[in-house]
Structure formats: C-alpha cells, structure tokens
Amino acid sequence: MKRGFWILMLVCAVLTTVSCQNKAKKNTPEAATEQFAKAFYTADFPHMYEYSTKKSDIVIQQLQNAMKENPEQLEEVKNNKVEFVSTSVEAQTDSTCTCACKVILNDQPRTDKWDLLKEDGQWKVTLIMP
C-alpha cells in the first residue's frame, strides 16, 4: 500500500514538473513568435488572435475579411507547408521584443521580423506598435 502511494506521488511530481516546464516554454518571445507565425502563414485566424495583442485584432479582422473575398487564395494559404529553421530574439526589454523567424515556406527560405509586447504577463505579437 505504501509503495503504491509513493509511486503515485512520484508520478504526480513528474507530471507537475513537465507541465510547469511546458508552460514556461510557451511564455517566451520565441514560442509566441513561432505560434503566431505558423498561424499567419496558414491563415489560422483563431490562433492569430490567440498569439497577438488585443490592439492587433483590427488588423487580423481586415486580413480575414480580405481572405474571405478570395476563397481560392484562402485555401492556398491554408495549405502552405511551414518548416521552422530558427527563431531568435534580436532586441528585448521587460515589455517589448523583436524576434527574427527563419522558415522554409513552400520550399522557399523566408525571414520575417515580428514585434512583441507583454500583455497580461504573456508575450504577444503586435501588428500595431503603441
């Protein structure tokens, strides 16, 4: 009985450690940049909203409306193949950051720079600088 209790406690400790490490990884400028960029390159609008600042919503909404007017282009973008090569911080303060994201997009190399702000304790890509 005691052995089963200790095994259960060990499993709980490992799961807690892993989930905390994953949460910490997600709250980095690089992780936020990659999540937003992947959504951007594949027209995944719900995730674009999730990984961007509230002020960016208007820009994303305009992009979404433009894509709805051209369904063929929307489908083409949704089918983009995205492979991340690297994402690095170029400049950072306590509340702002610029990341460079190198990807292979449909077999073509591409580098984009994304500005981020810390909003409610989370790094978010901003499409509108304050």
C-alpha atoms as a PDB file:
ATOM      1  CA  MET A   1       0.000   0.000   0.000  1.00  0.00           C
ATOM      2  CA  LYS A   2       2.772   2.451   0.947  1.00  0.00           C
ATOM      3  CA  ARG A   3       4.712   1.573  -2.182  1.00  0.00           C
ATOM      4  CA  GLY A   4       1.696   2.391  -4.387  1.00  0.00           C
ATOM      5  CA  PHE A   5       1.271   5.715  -2.595  1.00  0.00           C
ATOM      6  CA  TRP A   6       4.893   6.690  -3.243  1.00  0.00           C
ATOM      7  CA  ILE A   7       4.676   5.660  -6.883  1.00  0.00           C
ATOM      8  CA  LEU A   8       1.560   7.806  -7.272  1.00  0.00           C
ATOM      9  CA  MET A   9       3.321  10.745  -5.589  1.00  0.00           C
ATOM     10  CA  LEU A  10       6.330  10.341  -7.909  1.00  0.00           C
ATOM     11  CA  VAL A  11       4.091  10.308 -10.990  1.00  0.00           C
ATOM     12  CA  CYS A  12       2.298  13.466  -9.774  1.00  0.00           C
ATOM     13  CA  ALA A  13       5.616  15.217  -9.146  1.00  0.00           C
ATOM     14  CA  VAL A  14       6.903  14.347 -12.622  1.00  0.00           C
ATOM     15  CA  LEU A  15       3.680  15.500 -14.301  1.00  0.00           C
ATOM     16  CA  THR A  16       3.722  18.777 -12.360  1.00  0.00           C
ATOM     17  CA  THR A  17       7.333  19.432 -13.325  1.00  0.00           C
ATOM     18  CA  VAL A  18       6.712  18.692 -17.004  1.00  0.00           C
ATOM     19  CA  SER A  19       3.580  20.861 -17.171  1.00  0.00           C
ATOM     20  CA  CYS A  20       5.362  23.759 -15.467  1.00  0.00           C
ATOM     21  CA  GLN A  21       8.279  23.473 -17.890  1.00  0.00           C
ATOM     22  CA  ASN A  22       5.911  23.442 -20.878  1.00  0.00           C
ATOM     23  CA  LYS A  23       4.050  26.494 -19.562  1.00  0.00           C
ATOM     24  CA  ALA A  24       7.340  28.339 -19.055  1.00  0.00           C
ATOM     25  CA  LYS A  25       8.411  27.493 -22.619  1.00  0.00           C
ATOM     26  CA  LYS A  26       5.159  28.837 -24.044  1.00  0.00           C
ATOM     27  CA  ASN A  27       5.666  32.198 -22.352  1.00  0.00           C
ATOM     28  CA  THR A  28       8.830  33.063 -24.265  1.00  0.00           C
ATOM     29  CA  PRO A  29       9.072  35.552 -27.128  1.00  0.00           C
ATOM     30  CA  GLU A  30      10.379  32.798 -29.407  1.00  0.00           C
ATOM     31  CA  ALA A  31       7.455  30.449 -28.664  1.00  0.00           C
ATOM     32  CA  ALA A  32       4.864  33.205 -29.120  1.00  0.00           C
ATOM     33  CA  THR A  33       6.528  34.253 -32.385  1.00  0.00           C
ATOM     34  CA  GLU A  34       6.529  30.714 -33.754  1.00  0.00           C
ATOM     35  CA  GLN A  35       2.905  30.108 -32.770  1.00  0.00           C
ATOM     36  CA  PHE A  36       1.758  33.370 -34.343  1.00  0.00           C
ATOM     37  CA  ALA A  37       3.905  32.923 -37.461  1.00  0.00           C
ATOM     38  CA  LYS A  38       2.598  29.406 -38.057  1.00  0.00           C
ATOM     39  CA  ALA A  39      -0.971  30.714 -37.749  1.00  0.00           C
ATOM     40  CA  PHE A  40      -0.180  33.668 -40.026  1.00  0.00           C
ATOM     41  CA  TYR A  41       1.434  31.549 -42.755  1.00  0.00           C
ATOM     42  CA  THR A  42      -1.510  29.116 -42.766  1.00  0.00           C
ATOM     43  CA  ALA A  43      -4.422  31.572 -42.307  1.00  0.00           C
ATOM     44  CA  ASP A  44      -5.306  30.071 -38.919  1.00  0.00           C
ATOM     45  CA  PHE A  45      -7.189  33.130 -37.687  1.00  0.00           C
ATOM     46  CA  PRO A  46      -8.268  31.811 -34.252  1.00  0.00           C
ATOM     47  CA  HIS A  47      -4.629  31.174 -33.346  1.00  0.00           C
ATOM     48  CA  MET A  48      -3.548  34.509 -34.812  1.00  0.00           C
ATOM     49  CA  TYR A  49      -5.915  36.185 -32.355  1.00  0.00           C
ATOM     50  CA  GLU A  50      -4.651  33.987 -29.508  1.00  0.00           C
ATOM     51  CA  TYR A  51      -0.971  34.868 -30.011  1.00  0.00           C
ATOM     52  CA  SER A  52      -1.370  38.575 -30.804  1.00  0.00           C
ATOM     53  CA  THR A  53      -2.199  41.674 -28.804  1.00  0.00           C
ATOM     54  CA  LYS A  54      -5.763  42.910 -28.457  1.00  0.00           C
ATOM     55  CA  LYS A  55      -4.897  46.020 -30.493  1.00  0.00           C
ATOM     56  CA  SER A  56      -3.870  43.735 -33.374  1.00  0.00           C
ATOM     57  CA  ASP A  57      -7.403  42.332 -33.653  1.00  0.00           C
ATOM     58  CA  ILE A  58      -8.452  45.031 -36.126  1.00  0.00           C
ATOM     59  CA  VAL A  59      -5.591  44.175 -38.497  1.00  0.00           C
ATOM     60  CA  ILE A  60      -6.321  40.453 -38.285  1.00  0.00           C
ATOM     61  CA  GLN A  61     -10.016  41.122 -38.891  1.00  0.00           C
ATOM     62  CA  GLN A  62      -9.175  43.124 -42.019  1.00  0.00           C
ATOM     63  CA  LEU A  63      -6.908  40.330 -43.248  1.00  0.00           C
ATOM     64  CA  GLN A  64      -9.609  37.764 -42.535  1.00  0.00           C
ATOM     65  CA  ASN A  65     -12.199  39.805 -44.462  1.00  0.00           C
ATOM     66  CA  ALA A  66      -9.827  40.188 -47.418  1.00  0.00           C
ATOM     67  CA  MET A  67      -9.181  36.446 -47.479  1.00  0.00           C
ATOM     68  CA  LYS A  68     -12.921  35.669 -47.364  1.00  0.00           C
ATOM     69  CA  GLU A  69     -13.331  37.657 -50.575  1.00  0.00           C
ATOM     70  CA  ASN A  70     -10.864  35.350 -52.324  1.00  0.00           C
ATOM     71  CA  PRO A  71     -11.649  31.763 -51.249  1.00  0.00           C
ATOM     72  CA  GLU A  72      -9.153  30.226 -53.696  1.00  0.00           C
ATOM     73  CA  GLN A  73      -6.287  32.211 -52.186  1.00  0.00           C
ATOM     74  CA  LEU A  74      -7.502  31.378 -48.673  1.00  0.00           C
ATOM     75  CA  GLU A  75      -7.391  27.643 -49.432  1.00  0.00           C
ATOM     76  CA  GLU A  76      -3.950  28.031 -50.980  1.00  0.00           C
ATOM     77  CA  VAL A  77      -2.628  29.782 -47.861  1.00  0.00           C
ATOM     78  CA  LYS A  78      -4.247  27.220 -45.551  1.00  0.00           C
ATOM     79  CA  ASN A  79      -2.285  24.515 -47.397  1.00  0.00           C
ATOM     80  CA  ASN A  80       1.099  26.238 -47.010  1.00  0.00           C
ATOM     81  CA  LYS A  81       3.927  23.991 -45.823  1.00  0.00           C
ATOM     82  CA  VAL A  82       5.821  25.682 -42.981  1.00  0.00           C
ATOM     83  CA  GLU A  83       9.074  24.414 -41.503  1.00  0.00           C
ATOM     84  CA  PHE A  84      10.741  26.487 -38.781  1.00  0.00           C
ATOM     85  CA  VAL A  85      14.505  26.801 -39.102  1.00  0.00           C
ATOM     86  CA  SER A  86      15.184  29.171 -36.206  1.00  0.00           C
ATOM     87  CA  THR A  87      13.624  31.889 -34.122  1.00  0.00           C
ATOM     88  CA  SER A  88      15.832  34.312 -32.242  1.00  0.00           C
ATOM     89  CA  VAL A  89      15.434  37.417 -30.112  1.00  0.00           C
ATOM     90  CA  GLU A  90      17.086  40.449 -31.718  1.00  0.00           C
ATOM     91  CA  ALA A  91      16.195  43.022 -29.058  1.00  0.00           C
ATOM     92  CA  GLN A  92      14.320  42.773 -25.767  1.00  0.00           C
ATOM     93  CA  THR A  93      13.242  44.882 -22.816  1.00  0.00           C
ATOM     94  CA  ASP A  94      10.942  43.939 -19.951  1.00  0.00           C
ATOM     95  CA  SER A  95       7.842  44.566 -22.082  1.00  0.00           C
ATOM     96  CA  THR A  96       8.929  44.665 -25.738  1.00  0.00           C
ATOM     97  CA  CYS A  97      10.786  42.325 -28.029  1.00  0.00           C
ATOM     98  CA  THR A  98      11.728  41.815 -31.661  1.00  0.00           C
ATOM     99  CA  CYS A  99      12.188  38.271 -32.942  1.00  0.00           C
ATOM    100  CA  ALA A 100      13.559  37.072 -36.264  1.00  0.00           C
ATOM    101  CA  CYS A 101      11.877  33.958 -37.554  1.00  0.00           C
ATOM    102  CA  LYS A 102      13.514  31.913 -40.304  1.00  0.00           C
ATOM    103  CA  VAL A 103      11.256  29.423 -42.047  1.00  0.00           C
ATOM    104  CA  ILE A 104      11.014  27.325 -45.153  1.00  0.00           C
ATOM    105  CA  LEU A 105       7.643  28.295 -46.618  1.00  0.00           C
ATOM    106  CA  ASN A 106       6.587  26.068 -49.501  1.00  0.00           C
ATOM    107  CA  ASP A 107      10.221  25.066 -50.061  1.00  0.00           C
ATOM    108  CA  GLN A 108      11.375  28.715 -50.141  1.00  0.00           C
ATOM    109  CA  PRO A 109      13.505  30.273 -47.367  1.00  0.00           C
ATOM    110  CA  ARG A 110      11.984  33.288 -45.702  1.00  0.00           C
ATOM    111  CA  THR A 111      12.918  35.502 -42.738  1.00  0.00           C
ATOM    112  CA  ASP A 112      10.402  37.753 -41.029  1.00  0.00           C
ATOM    113  CA  LYS A 113      10.797  40.013 -38.023  1.00  0.00           C
ATOM    114  CA  TRP A 114       7.971  40.215 -35.524  1.00  0.00           C
ATOM    115  CA  ASP A 115       7.472  42.802 -32.775  1.00  0.00           C
ATOM    116  CA  LEU A 116       6.079  41.567 -29.481  1.00  0.00           C
ATOM    117  CA  LEU A 117       4.628  43.172 -26.382  1.00  0.00           C
ATOM    118  CA  LYS A 118       3.989  41.696 -22.998  1.00  0.00           C
ATOM    119  CA  GLU A 119       0.222  41.770 -22.451  1.00  0.00           C
ATOM    120  CA  ASP A 120      -1.255  40.426 -19.214  1.00  0.00           C
ATOM    121  CA  GLY A 121       2.060  38.717 -18.462  1.00  0.00           C
ATOM    122  CA  GLN A 122       2.180  36.892 -21.821  1.00  0.00           C
ATOM    123  CA  TRP A 123       4.320  37.629 -24.863  1.00  0.00           C
ATOM    124  CA  LYS A 124       2.109  38.509 -27.857  1.00  0.00           C
ATOM    125  CA  VAL A 125       2.937  39.546 -31.413  1.00  0.00           C
ATOM    126  CA  THR A 126       1.815  43.079 -32.123  1.00  0.00           C
ATOM    127  CA  LEU A 127       0.776  44.267 -35.539  1.00  0.00           C
ATOM    128  CA  ILE A 128       0.232  47.803 -34.236  1.00  0.00           C
ATOM    129  CA  MET A 129       3.007  49.428 -32.221  1.00  0.00           C
ATOM    130  CA  PRO A 130       1.734  51.619 -29.373  1.00  0.00           C
END
